[in-house]
């Protein structure tokens, strides 16, 4: 896994991806995966992630995710 991550980082640097963009995309995908694993249970997902439930809730809003980890549709 470490080699895969190193390859991904190299590709991102070569393509000029900004640090904040890379971190945000990683965080969003990580949260989505954990929410899926926790069947949308935010308390359980927060525990798995090692963050407070309120922090997870803010991140879900920030990335416009629903509790199942999918992007919310625009209203």
N, C-alpha and C. Protein backbone atom coordinates (compact mmCIF):
# COMPACT_ATOMS: atom_id res chain seq x y z
N UNK A 1 0.83 -1.19 0.00
CA UNK A 1 0.00 0.00 0.00
C UNK A 1 0.87 1.25 0.00
N UNK A 2 1.98 1.19 0.69
CA UNK A 2 2.87 2.34 0.76
C UNK A 2 3.40 2.72 -0.63
N UNK A 3 3.72 1.73 -1.44
CA UNK A 3 4.21 1.99 -2.80
C UNK A 3 3.11 2.61 -3.66
N UNK A 4 1.86 2.13 -3.49
CA UNK A 4 0.75 2.68 -4.25
C UNK A 4 0.54 4.14 -3.89
N UNK A 5 0.61 4.44 -2.61
CA UNK A 5 0.43 5.82 -2.16
C UNK A 5 1.54 6.71 -2.70
N UNK A 6 2.77 6.20 -2.69
CA UNK A 6 3.90 6.96 -3.21
C UNK A 6 3.70 7.26 -4.70
N UNK A 7 3.22 6.28 -5.46
CA UNK A 7 2.96 6.48 -6.87
C UNK A 7 1.87 7.52 -7.11
N UNK A 8 0.83 7.45 -6.29
CA UNK A 8 -0.26 8.42 -6.41
C UNK A 8 0.23 9.83 -6.09
N UNK A 9 1.01 9.97 -5.05
CA UNK A 9 1.55 11.28 -4.69
C UNK A 9 2.42 11.82 -5.82
N UNK A 10 3.24 10.97 -6.40
CA UNK A 10 4.10 11.40 -7.51
C UNK A 10 3.26 11.90 -8.68
N UNK A 11 2.21 11.19 -9.02
CA UNK A 11 1.33 11.60 -10.11
C UNK A 11 0.68 12.95 -9.82
N UNK A 12 0.26 13.13 -8.59
CA UNK A 12 -0.40 14.38 -8.22
C UNK A 12 0.56 15.55 -8.30
N UNK A 13 1.78 15.34 -7.87
CA UNK A 13 2.79 16.40 -7.94
C UNK A 13 3.08 16.74 -9.40
N UNK A 14 3.23 15.72 -10.22
CA UNK A 14 3.51 15.93 -11.65
C UNK A 14 2.37 16.69 -12.33
N UNK A 15 1.16 16.47 -11.92
CA UNK A 15 0.00 17.12 -12.54
C UNK A 15 -0.32 18.49 -11.93
N UNK A 16 0.44 18.88 -10.94
CA UNK A 16 0.25 20.20 -10.34
C UNK A 16 -0.94 20.31 -9.41
N UNK A 17 -1.34 19.19 -8.82
CA UNK A 17 -2.45 19.21 -7.86
C UNK A 17 -1.99 19.95 -6.61
N UNK A 18 -2.78 20.90 -6.17
CA UNK A 18 -2.45 21.67 -4.97
C UNK A 18 -2.65 20.83 -3.71
N UNK A 19 -1.86 21.12 -2.69
CA UNK A 19 -1.89 20.37 -1.45
C UNK A 19 -3.29 20.33 -0.84
N UNK A 20 -3.94 21.48 -0.72
CA UNK A 20 -5.28 21.54 -0.12
C UNK A 20 -6.28 20.69 -0.89
N UNK A 21 -6.17 20.71 -2.22
CA UNK A 21 -7.07 19.92 -3.05
C UNK A 21 -6.84 18.42 -2.82
N UNK A 22 -5.58 18.03 -2.73
CA UNK A 22 -5.24 16.62 -2.52
C UNK A 22 -5.73 16.14 -1.15
N UNK A 23 -5.49 16.93 -0.13
CA UNK A 23 -5.89 16.57 1.23
C UNK A 23 -7.42 16.49 1.31
N UNK A 24 -8.11 17.46 0.73
CA UNK A 24 -9.57 17.48 0.76
C UNK A 24 -10.17 16.27 0.06
N UNK A 25 -9.62 15.93 -1.10
CA UNK A 25 -10.14 14.78 -1.84
C UNK A 25 -9.91 13.48 -1.07
N UNK A 26 -8.73 13.34 -0.47
CA UNK A 26 -8.43 12.16 0.33
C UNK A 26 -9.40 12.06 1.50
N UNK A 27 -9.57 13.17 2.21
CA UNK A 27 -10.44 13.19 3.39
C UNK A 27 -11.87 12.83 3.01
N UNK A 28 -12.36 13.41 1.93
CA UNK A 28 -13.73 13.14 1.49
C UNK A 28 -13.92 11.65 1.17
N UNK A 29 -13.00 11.10 0.41
CA UNK A 29 -13.12 9.68 0.03
C UNK A 29 -12.97 8.75 1.24
N UNK A 30 -12.09 9.11 2.17
CA UNK A 30 -11.89 8.32 3.38
C UNK A 30 -13.17 8.30 4.21
N UNK A 31 -13.77 9.48 4.38
CA UNK A 31 -15.01 9.58 5.15
C UNK A 31 -16.13 8.80 4.46
N UNK A 32 -16.24 8.93 3.13
CA UNK A 32 -17.27 8.19 2.40
C UNK A 32 -17.12 6.69 2.63
N UNK A 33 -15.91 6.18 2.56
CA UNK A 33 -15.67 4.75 2.72
C UNK A 33 -16.04 4.28 4.13
N UNK A 34 -15.67 5.06 5.13
CA UNK A 34 -15.98 4.69 6.52
C UNK A 34 -17.48 4.77 6.77
N UNK A 35 -18.15 5.79 6.25
CA UNK A 35 -19.60 5.88 6.40
C UNK A 35 -20.29 4.67 5.76
N UNK A 36 -19.81 4.26 4.60
CA UNK A 36 -20.37 3.06 3.96
C UNK A 36 -20.18 1.84 4.85
N UNK A 37 -18.98 1.72 5.40
CA UNK A 37 -18.66 0.58 6.27
C UNK A 37 -19.53 0.57 7.53
N UNK A 38 -19.86 1.77 8.01
CA UNK A 38 -20.68 1.90 9.22
C UNK A 38 -22.16 1.96 8.89
N UNK A 39 -22.52 1.63 7.66
CA UNK A 39 -23.92 1.65 7.21
C UNK A 39 -24.61 2.98 7.50
N UNK A 40 -23.85 4.08 7.34
CA UNK A 40 -24.42 5.41 7.52
C UNK A 40 -24.52 5.87 8.97
N UNK A 41 -24.11 5.04 9.92
CA UNK A 41 -24.18 5.40 11.32
C UNK A 41 -23.03 6.36 11.63
N UNK A 42 -23.37 7.63 11.82
CA UNK A 42 -22.34 8.65 12.00
C UNK A 42 -21.57 8.49 13.30
N UNK A 43 -22.22 8.08 14.36
CA UNK A 43 -21.51 7.88 15.63
C UNK A 43 -20.47 6.78 15.50
N UNK A 44 -20.87 5.69 14.85
CA UNK A 44 -19.93 4.57 14.67
C UNK A 44 -18.81 4.99 13.71
N UNK A 45 -19.14 5.71 12.66
CA UNK A 45 -18.13 6.17 11.71
C UNK A 45 -17.13 7.10 12.39
N UNK A 46 -17.62 8.01 13.22
CA UNK A 46 -16.73 8.93 13.94
C UNK A 46 -15.78 8.15 14.84
N UNK A 47 -16.29 7.11 15.48
CA UNK A 47 -15.45 6.28 16.35
C UNK A 47 -14.36 5.59 15.53
N UNK A 48 -14.74 5.03 14.38
CA UNK A 48 -13.77 4.36 13.51
C UNK A 48 -12.70 5.35 13.03
N UNK A 49 -13.14 6.57 12.70
CA UNK A 49 -12.22 7.59 12.21
C UNK A 49 -11.36 8.20 13.32
N UNK A 50 -11.81 8.04 14.56
CA UNK A 50 -11.07 8.61 15.68
C UNK A 50 -11.29 10.11 15.82
N UNK A 51 -12.49 10.57 15.40
CA UNK A 51 -12.83 11.98 15.52
C UNK A 51 -14.16 12.11 16.26
N UNK A 52 -14.43 13.32 16.73
CA UNK A 52 -15.68 13.57 17.44
C UNK A 52 -16.84 13.54 16.46
N UNK A 53 -17.99 13.14 16.92
CA UNK A 53 -19.20 13.05 16.08
C UNK A 53 -19.54 14.40 15.45
N UNK A 54 -19.37 15.49 16.20
CA UNK A 54 -19.65 16.82 15.65
C UNK A 54 -18.69 17.19 14.52
N UNK A 55 -17.44 16.77 14.65
CA UNK A 55 -16.45 17.02 13.60
C UNK A 55 -16.86 16.29 12.33
N UNK A 56 -17.28 15.04 12.47
CA UNK A 56 -17.73 14.27 11.31
C UNK A 56 -18.94 14.94 10.67
N UNK A 57 -19.86 15.40 11.47
CA UNK A 57 -21.05 16.06 10.95
C UNK A 57 -20.66 17.30 10.13
N UNK A 58 -19.71 18.08 10.63
CA UNK A 58 -19.24 19.26 9.89
C UNK A 58 -18.59 18.85 8.57
N UNK A 59 -17.83 17.78 8.59
CA UNK A 59 -17.17 17.30 7.37
C UNK A 59 -18.20 16.81 6.36
N UNK A 60 -19.23 16.14 6.82
CA UNK A 60 -20.30 15.67 5.94
C UNK A 60 -20.96 16.86 5.26
N UNK A 61 -21.21 17.91 6.02
CA UNK A 61 -21.79 19.13 5.44
C UNK A 61 -20.81 19.80 4.47
N UNK A 62 -19.55 19.88 4.87
CA UNK A 62 -18.52 20.52 4.05
C UNK A 62 -18.39 19.85 2.69
N UNK A 63 -18.40 18.53 2.68
CA UNK A 63 -18.23 17.78 1.43
C UNK A 63 -19.56 17.43 0.78
N UNK A 64 -20.64 17.93 1.36
CA UNK A 64 -21.99 17.70 0.83
C UNK A 64 -22.28 16.20 0.65
N UNK A 65 -21.98 15.46 1.71
CA UNK A 65 -22.26 14.02 1.73
C UNK A 65 -23.54 13.77 2.48
N UNK A 66 -24.25 12.70 2.15
CA UNK A 66 -25.36 12.29 3.00
C UNK A 66 -24.82 11.28 4.00
N UNK A 67 -25.63 10.81 4.88
CA UNK A 67 -25.15 9.93 5.95
C UNK A 67 -24.66 8.58 5.43
N UNK A 68 -24.99 8.25 4.16
CA UNK A 68 -24.49 7.01 3.58
C UNK A 68 -23.17 7.23 2.85
N UNK A 69 -22.63 8.45 2.91
CA UNK A 69 -21.35 8.72 2.32
C UNK A 69 -21.39 9.07 0.85
N UNK A 70 -22.58 9.32 0.31
CA UNK A 70 -22.70 9.68 -1.09
C UNK A 70 -22.90 11.19 -1.20
N UNK A 71 -22.49 11.76 -2.32
CA UNK A 71 -22.68 13.20 -2.51
C UNK A 71 -24.18 13.51 -2.52
N UNK A 72 -24.54 14.59 -1.84
CA UNK A 72 -25.93 15.03 -1.84
C UNK A 72 -26.25 15.63 -3.19
N UNK A 73 -27.47 15.46 -3.62
CA UNK A 73 -27.92 16.09 -4.87
C UNK A 73 -28.27 17.53 -4.60
N UNK A 74 -27.97 18.38 -5.57
CA UNK A 74 -28.31 19.80 -5.44
C UNK A 74 -29.82 19.96 -5.43
N UNK A 75 -30.29 20.84 -4.61
CA UNK A 75 -31.75 21.06 -4.49
C UNK A 75 -32.18 22.24 -5.31
